[in-house]
């Protein structure tokens, strides 16, 4: 196995653990029937997609977020979280890589746009899951503003944090490996 693949796998495992921890540590309960909460896990989900690329970022985000749902007892949401958070990181990685190629000097704008689109996807994904698969019907719409609030917090934290992190040489290597 090539060293850069091993480094990517280790980085993905670390970001999966960090996603889980960020989801579990700062928990702000929200006033909806599901007993949901706002957390910082999405910040790490976005960073995973941007720095590890679509494939490894997807794995890190999906596994870390899934485990957080399992550990907190939100087992009904765990399958949706696995899919939604994994796809968020996949989209974040693909969108960032595409936008960065189109506008090489606009990393901030590329990240901001990809983050906003991913968080909108997250809010829509959970709405559809609650509405259709959990049978909550239109009452599931009550969670949309709270999911958007969580998404806004993730965007506000992740974009400037990524700008700082990309200055670290070892993280730049992850990004370079992810694009190969």
C-alpha atoms as a PDB file:
ATOM      1  CA  UNK A   1       0.000   0.000   0.000  1.00  0.00           C
ATOM      2  CA  UNK A   2       1.381   3.395  -0.911  1.00  0.00           C
ATOM      3  CA  UNK A   3       2.183   5.706   1.964  1.00  0.00           C
ATOM      4  CA  UNK A   4      -0.196   8.461   0.865  1.00  0.00           C
ATOM      5  CA  UNK A   5      -3.114   5.982   0.856  1.00  0.00           C
ATOM      6  CA  UNK A   6      -2.207   4.882   4.362  1.00  0.00           C
ATOM      7  CA  UNK A   7      -1.991   8.515   5.462  1.00  0.00           C
ATOM      8  CA  UNK A   8      -5.406   9.204   3.952  1.00  0.00           C
ATOM      9  CA  UNK A   9      -6.907   6.207   5.731  1.00  0.00           C
ATOM     10  CA  UNK A  10      -5.436   7.323   9.063  1.00  0.00           C
ATOM     11  CA  UNK A  11      -6.636  10.888   8.468  1.00  0.00           C
ATOM     12  CA  UNK A  12     -10.114   9.586   7.603  1.00  0.00           C
ATOM     13  CA  UNK A  13     -10.204   7.539  10.819  1.00  0.00           C
ATOM     14  CA  UNK A  14      -9.129  10.582  12.835  1.00  0.00           C
ATOM     15  CA  UNK A  15     -11.755  12.784  11.187  1.00  0.00           C
ATOM     16  CA  UNK A  16     -14.433  10.124  11.742  1.00  0.00           C
ATOM     17  CA  UNK A  17     -13.572  10.158  15.448  1.00  0.00           C
ATOM     18  CA  UNK A  18     -13.484  13.952  15.493  1.00  0.00           C
ATOM     19  CA  UNK A  19     -16.872  14.106  13.741  1.00  0.00           C
ATOM     20  CA  UNK A  20     -18.344  11.842  16.387  1.00  0.00           C
ATOM     21  CA  UNK A  21     -16.797  13.853  19.225  1.00  0.00           C
ATOM     22  CA  UNK A  22     -17.844  17.212  17.750  1.00  0.00           C
ATOM     23  CA  UNK A  23     -21.386  15.872  17.468  1.00  0.00           C
ATOM     24  CA  UNK A  24     -21.442  14.590  21.052  1.00  0.00           C
ATOM     25  CA  UNK A  25     -19.611  17.304  22.977  1.00  0.00           C
ATOM     26  CA  UNK A  26     -21.495  20.513  22.254  1.00  0.00           C
ATOM     27  CA  UNK A  27     -25.155  19.586  22.279  1.00  0.00           C
ATOM     28  CA  UNK A  28     -27.885  22.220  22.224  1.00  0.00           C
ATOM     29  CA  UNK A  29     -31.340  20.592  22.532  1.00  0.00           C
ATOM     30  CA  UNK A  30     -34.014  21.868  20.167  1.00  0.00           C
ATOM     31  CA  UNK A  31     -37.732  22.149  20.913  1.00  0.00           C
ATOM     32  CA  UNK A  32     -39.159  19.625  18.475  1.00  0.00           C
ATOM     33  CA  UNK A  33     -40.931  16.355  19.073  1.00  0.00           C
ATOM     34  CA  UNK A  34     -38.008  14.195  17.924  1.00  0.00           C
ATOM     35  CA  UNK A  35     -35.846  15.503  20.763  1.00  0.00           C
ATOM     36  CA  UNK A  36     -33.129  16.515  18.322  1.00  0.00           C
ATOM     37  CA  UNK A  37     -30.182  18.763  19.011  1.00  0.00           C
ATOM     38  CA  UNK A  38     -27.804  21.203  17.341  1.00  0.00           C
ATOM     39  CA  UNK A  39     -24.144  20.162  17.271  1.00  0.00           C
ATOM     40  CA  UNK A  40     -20.824  20.950  15.614  1.00  0.00           C
ATOM     41  CA  UNK A  41     -20.462  17.678  13.732  1.00  0.00           C
ATOM     42  CA  UNK A  42     -21.332  19.269  10.381  1.00  0.00           C
ATOM     43  CA  UNK A  43     -18.267  21.490  10.654  1.00  0.00           C
ATOM     44  CA  UNK A  44     -16.054  18.389  10.621  1.00  0.00           C
ATOM     45  CA  UNK A  45     -18.209  16.771   7.917  1.00  0.00           C
ATOM     46  CA  UNK A  46     -17.421  19.703   5.617  1.00  0.00           C
ATOM     47  CA  UNK A  47     -13.725  19.715   6.538  1.00  0.00           C
ATOM     48  CA  UNK A  48     -13.588  15.985   5.791  1.00  0.00           C
ATOM     49  CA  UNK A  49     -14.926  16.490   2.275  1.00  0.00           C
ATOM     50  CA  UNK A  50     -12.641  19.427   1.547  1.00  0.00           C
ATOM     51  CA  UNK A  51      -9.404  17.984   2.898  1.00  0.00           C
ATOM     52  CA  UNK A  52      -9.801  14.262   2.275  1.00  0.00           C
ATOM     53  CA  UNK A  53     -11.695  14.511  -0.991  1.00  0.00           C
ATOM     54  CA  UNK A  54     -15.018  12.913  -1.888  1.00  0.00           C
ATOM     55  CA  UNK A  55     -14.241   9.259  -1.158  1.00  0.00           C
ATOM     56  CA  UNK A  56     -12.332   9.334   2.125  1.00  0.00           C
ATOM     57  CA  UNK A  57     -14.276  12.409   3.280  1.00  0.00           C
ATOM     58  CA  UNK A  58     -17.547  10.568   2.665  1.00  0.00           C
ATOM     59  CA  UNK A  59     -16.363   7.585   4.698  1.00  0.00           C
ATOM     60  CA  UNK A  60     -15.122   9.729   7.603  1.00  0.00           C
ATOM     61  CA  UNK A  61     -18.270  11.848   7.770  1.00  0.00           C
ATOM     62  CA  UNK A  62     -20.678   8.942   7.402  1.00  0.00           C
ATOM     63  CA  UNK A  63     -19.017   6.730   9.997  1.00  0.00           C
ATOM     64  CA  UNK A  64     -18.413   9.464  12.573  1.00  0.00           C
ATOM     65  CA  UNK A  65     -21.930  10.887  12.316  1.00  0.00           C
ATOM     66  CA  UNK A  66     -23.527   7.430  12.328  1.00  0.00           C
ATOM     67  CA  UNK A  67     -21.644   6.486  15.490  1.00  0.00           C
ATOM     68  CA  UNK A  68     -22.766   9.708  17.197  1.00  0.00           C
ATOM     69  CA  UNK A  69     -26.407   8.808  16.501  1.00  0.00           C
ATOM     70  CA  UNK A  70     -25.841   5.299  17.843  1.00  0.00           C
ATOM     71  CA  UNK A  71     -24.098   6.572  21.002  1.00  0.00           C
ATOM     72  CA  UNK A  72     -26.846   9.138  21.715  1.00  0.00           C
ATOM     73  CA  UNK A  73     -29.673   6.657  21.182  1.00  0.00           C
ATOM     74  CA  UNK A  74     -31.041   8.208  17.970  1.00  0.00           C
ATOM     75  CA  UNK A  75     -31.082   4.806  16.284  1.00  0.00           C
ATOM     76  CA  UNK A  76     -34.062   5.709  14.089  1.00  0.00           C
ATOM     77  CA  UNK A  77     -31.954   8.478  12.531  1.00  0.00           C
ATOM     78  CA  UNK A  78     -28.704   6.512  12.226  1.00  0.00           C
ATOM     79  CA  UNK A  79     -29.382   5.127   8.699  1.00  0.00           C
ATOM     80  CA  UNK A  80     -30.386   8.566   7.412  1.00  0.00           C
ATOM     81  CA  UNK A  81     -27.394  10.173   9.081  1.00  0.00           C
ATOM     82  CA  UNK A  82     -25.033   7.638   7.538  1.00  0.00           C
ATOM     83  CA  UNK A  83     -26.364   8.475   4.080  1.00  0.00           C
ATOM     84  CA  UNK A  84     -26.942  12.228   4.463  1.00  0.00           C
ATOM     85  CA  UNK A  85     -23.649  13.094   6.182  1.00  0.00           C
ATOM     86  CA  UNK A  86     -21.686  10.834   3.862  1.00  0.00           C
ATOM     87  CA  UNK A  87     -23.273  12.471   0.821  1.00  0.00           C
ATOM     88  CA  UNK A  88     -22.641  15.910   2.327  1.00  0.00           C
ATOM     89  CA  UNK A  89     -18.900  15.239   2.518  1.00  0.00           C
ATOM     90  CA  UNK A  90     -18.940  13.672  -0.943  1.00  0.00           C
ATOM     91  CA  UNK A  91     -20.668  16.758  -2.349  1.00  0.00           C
ATOM     92  CA  UNK A  92     -18.417  19.125  -0.398  1.00  0.00           C
ATOM     93  CA  UNK A  93     -15.340  17.407  -1.813  1.00  0.00           C
ATOM     94  CA  UNK A  94     -16.616  17.275  -5.384  1.00  0.00           C
ATOM     95  CA  UNK A  95     -17.975  20.817  -5.394  1.00  0.00           C
ATOM     96  CA  UNK A  96     -14.844  22.255  -3.824  1.00  0.00           C
ATOM     97  CA  UNK A  97     -12.546  20.478  -6.273  1.00  0.00           C
ATOM     98  CA  UNK A  98     -14.664  21.568  -9.240  1.00  0.00           C
ATOM     99  CA  UNK A  99     -15.038  25.177  -8.111  1.00  0.00           C
ATOM    100  CA  UNK A 100     -11.369  25.413  -7.205  1.00  0.00           C
ATOM    101  CA  UNK A 101     -10.381  24.349 -10.701  1.00  0.00           C
ATOM    102  CA  UNK A 102     -12.714  26.957 -12.185  1.00  0.00           C
ATOM    103  CA  UNK A 103     -11.487  29.702  -9.836  1.00  0.00           C
ATOM    104  CA  UNK A 104      -8.055  28.623  -8.519  1.00  0.00           C
ATOM    105  CA  UNK A 105      -7.502  31.640  -6.270  1.00  0.00           C
ATOM    106  CA  UNK A 106     -10.972  31.645  -4.724  1.00  0.00           C
ATOM    107  CA  UNK A 107     -10.731  28.885  -2.096  1.00  0.00           C
ATOM    108  CA  UNK A 108     -12.855  30.861   0.361  1.00  0.00           C
ATOM    109  CA  UNK A 109     -15.680  31.349  -2.140  1.00  0.00           C
ATOM    110  CA  UNK A 110     -15.445  27.738  -3.314  1.00  0.00           C
ATOM    111  CA  UNK A 111     -15.724  26.469   0.235  1.00  0.00           C
ATOM    112  CA  UNK A 112     -18.503  28.888   1.136  1.00  0.00           C
ATOM    113  CA  UNK A 113     -20.627  27.918  -1.850  1.00  0.00           C
ATOM    114  CA  UNK A 114     -20.057  24.188  -1.376  1.00  0.00           C
ATOM    115  CA  UNK A 115     -20.813  24.466   2.359  1.00  0.00           C
ATOM    116  CA  UNK A 116     -24.085  26.316   1.838  1.00  0.00           C
ATOM    117  CA  UNK A 117     -25.254  23.819  -0.782  1.00  0.00           C
ATOM    118  CA  UNK A 118     -24.308  20.867   1.433  1.00  0.00           C
ATOM    119  CA  UNK A 119     -26.141  22.264   4.445  1.00  0.00           C
ATOM    120  CA  UNK A 120     -29.256  22.877   2.350  1.00  0.00           C
ATOM    121  CA  UNK A 121     -28.973  19.276   1.198  1.00  0.00           C
ATOM    122  CA  UNK A 122     -28.735  18.167   4.843  1.00  0.00           C
ATOM    123  CA  UNK A 123     -31.878  20.057   5.883  1.00  0.00           C
ATOM    124  CA  UNK A 124     -33.790  18.693   2.892  1.00  0.00           C
ATOM    125  CA  UNK A 125     -32.515  15.169   3.464  1.00  0.00           C
ATOM    126  CA  UNK A 126     -33.648  15.034   7.067  1.00  0.00           C
ATOM    127  CA  UNK A 127     -36.997  16.592   6.146  1.00  0.00           C
ATOM    128  CA  UNK A 128     -37.607  13.888   3.526  1.00  0.00           C
ATOM    129  CA  UNK A 129     -36.489  11.147   5.902  1.00  0.00           C
ATOM    130  CA  UNK A 130     -38.749  12.320   8.722  1.00  0.00           C
ATOM    131  CA  UNK A 131     -41.644  13.070   6.396  1.00  0.00           C
ATOM    132  CA  UNK A 132     -41.628   9.932   4.271  1.00  0.00           C
ATOM    133  CA  UNK A 133     -39.776   7.176   6.077  1.00  0.00           C
ATOM    134  CA  UNK A 134     -40.559   8.010   9.692  1.00  0.00           C
ATOM    135  CA  UNK A 135     -44.137   8.932   8.793  1.00  0.00           C
ATOM    136  CA  UNK A 136     -44.131  12.374  10.406  1.00  0.00           C
ATOM    137  CA  UNK A 137     -45.786  13.961   7.391  1.00  0.00           C
ATOM    138  CA  UNK A 138     -45.707  17.702   7.047  1.00  0.00           C
ATOM    139  CA  UNK A 139     -44.978  18.009  10.797  1.00  0.00           C
ATOM    140  CA  UNK A 140     -41.391  17.150   9.840  1.00  0.00           C
ATOM    141  CA  UNK A 141     -41.123  20.707   8.509  1.00  0.00           C
ATOM    142  CA  UNK A 142     -40.751  21.889  12.118  1.00  0.00           C
ATOM    143  CA  UNK A 143     -37.187  20.570  12.067  1.00  0.00           C
ATOM    144  CA  UNK A 144     -36.101  22.504   8.977  1.00  0.00           C
ATOM    145  CA  UNK A 145     -35.288  25.818  10.716  1.00  0.00           C
ATOM    146  CA  UNK A 146     -33.271  23.999  13.376  1.00  0.00           C
ATOM    147  CA  UNK A 147     -31.347  22.012  10.788  1.00  0.00           C
ATOM    148  CA  UNK A 148     -30.667  25.238   8.900  1.00  0.00           C
ATOM    149  CA  UNK A 149     -29.440  26.859  12.121  1.00  0.00           C
ATOM    150  CA  UNK A 150     -27.059  23.955  12.675  1.00  0.00           C
ATOM    151  CA  UNK A 151     -25.977  24.245   9.045  1.00  0.00           C
ATOM    152  CA  UNK A 152     -25.351  27.987   9.382  1.00  0.00           C
ATOM    153  CA  UNK A 153     -23.177  27.377  12.437  1.00  0.00           C
ATOM    154  CA  UNK A 154     -21.196  24.777  10.490  1.00  0.00           C
ATOM    155  CA  UNK A 155     -20.666  27.140   7.554  1.00  0.00           C
ATOM    156  CA  UNK A 156     -19.628  30.014   9.818  1.00  0.00           C
ATOM    157  CA  UNK A 157     -17.074  27.829  11.611  1.00  0.00           C
ATOM    158  CA  UNK A 158     -15.860  25.493   8.875  1.00  0.00           C
ATOM    159  CA  UNK A 159     -15.040  27.969   6.108  1.00  0.00           C
ATOM    160  CA  UNK A 160     -12.627  30.212   8.074  1.00  0.00           C
ATOM    161  CA  UNK A 161     -11.233  27.192   9.944  1.00  0.00           C
ATOM    162  CA  UNK A 162     -10.444  25.519   6.610  1.00  0.00           C
ATOM    163  CA  UNK A 163      -8.633  28.673   5.475  1.00  0.00           C
ATOM    164  CA  UNK A 164      -6.376  28.401   8.542  1.00  0.00           C
ATOM    165  CA  UNK A 165      -5.921  24.637   8.329  1.00  0.00           C
ATOM    166  CA  UNK A 166      -4.872  24.653   4.686  1.00  0.00           C
ATOM    167  CA  UNK A 167      -1.757  26.568   5.709  1.00  0.00           C
ATOM    168  CA  UNK A 168      -0.532  23.494   7.613  1.00  0.00           C
ATOM    169  CA  UNK A 169       1.783  21.471   5.383  1.00  0.00           C
ATOM    170  CA  UNK A 170       0.599  18.005   6.450  1.00  0.00           C
ATOM    171  CA  UNK A 171      -3.019  18.955   5.740  1.00  0.00           C
ATOM    172  CA  UNK A 172      -2.029  20.317   2.324  1.00  0.00           C
ATOM    173  CA  UNK A 173      -0.582  16.844   1.624  1.00  0.00           C
ATOM    174  CA  UNK A 174      -3.961  15.232   2.401  1.00  0.00           C
ATOM    175  CA  UNK A 175      -5.626  17.582  -0.046  1.00  0.00           C
ATOM    176  CA  UNK A 176      -3.028  16.896  -2.725  1.00  0.00           C
ATOM    177  CA  UNK A 177      -3.428  13.132  -2.210  1.00  0.00           C
ATOM    178  CA  UNK A 178      -7.214  13.416  -2.366  1.00  0.00           C
ATOM    179  CA  UNK A 179      -7.053  15.008  -5.798  1.00  0.00           C
ATOM    180  CA  UNK A 180      -4.981  12.235  -7.373  1.00  0.00           C
END
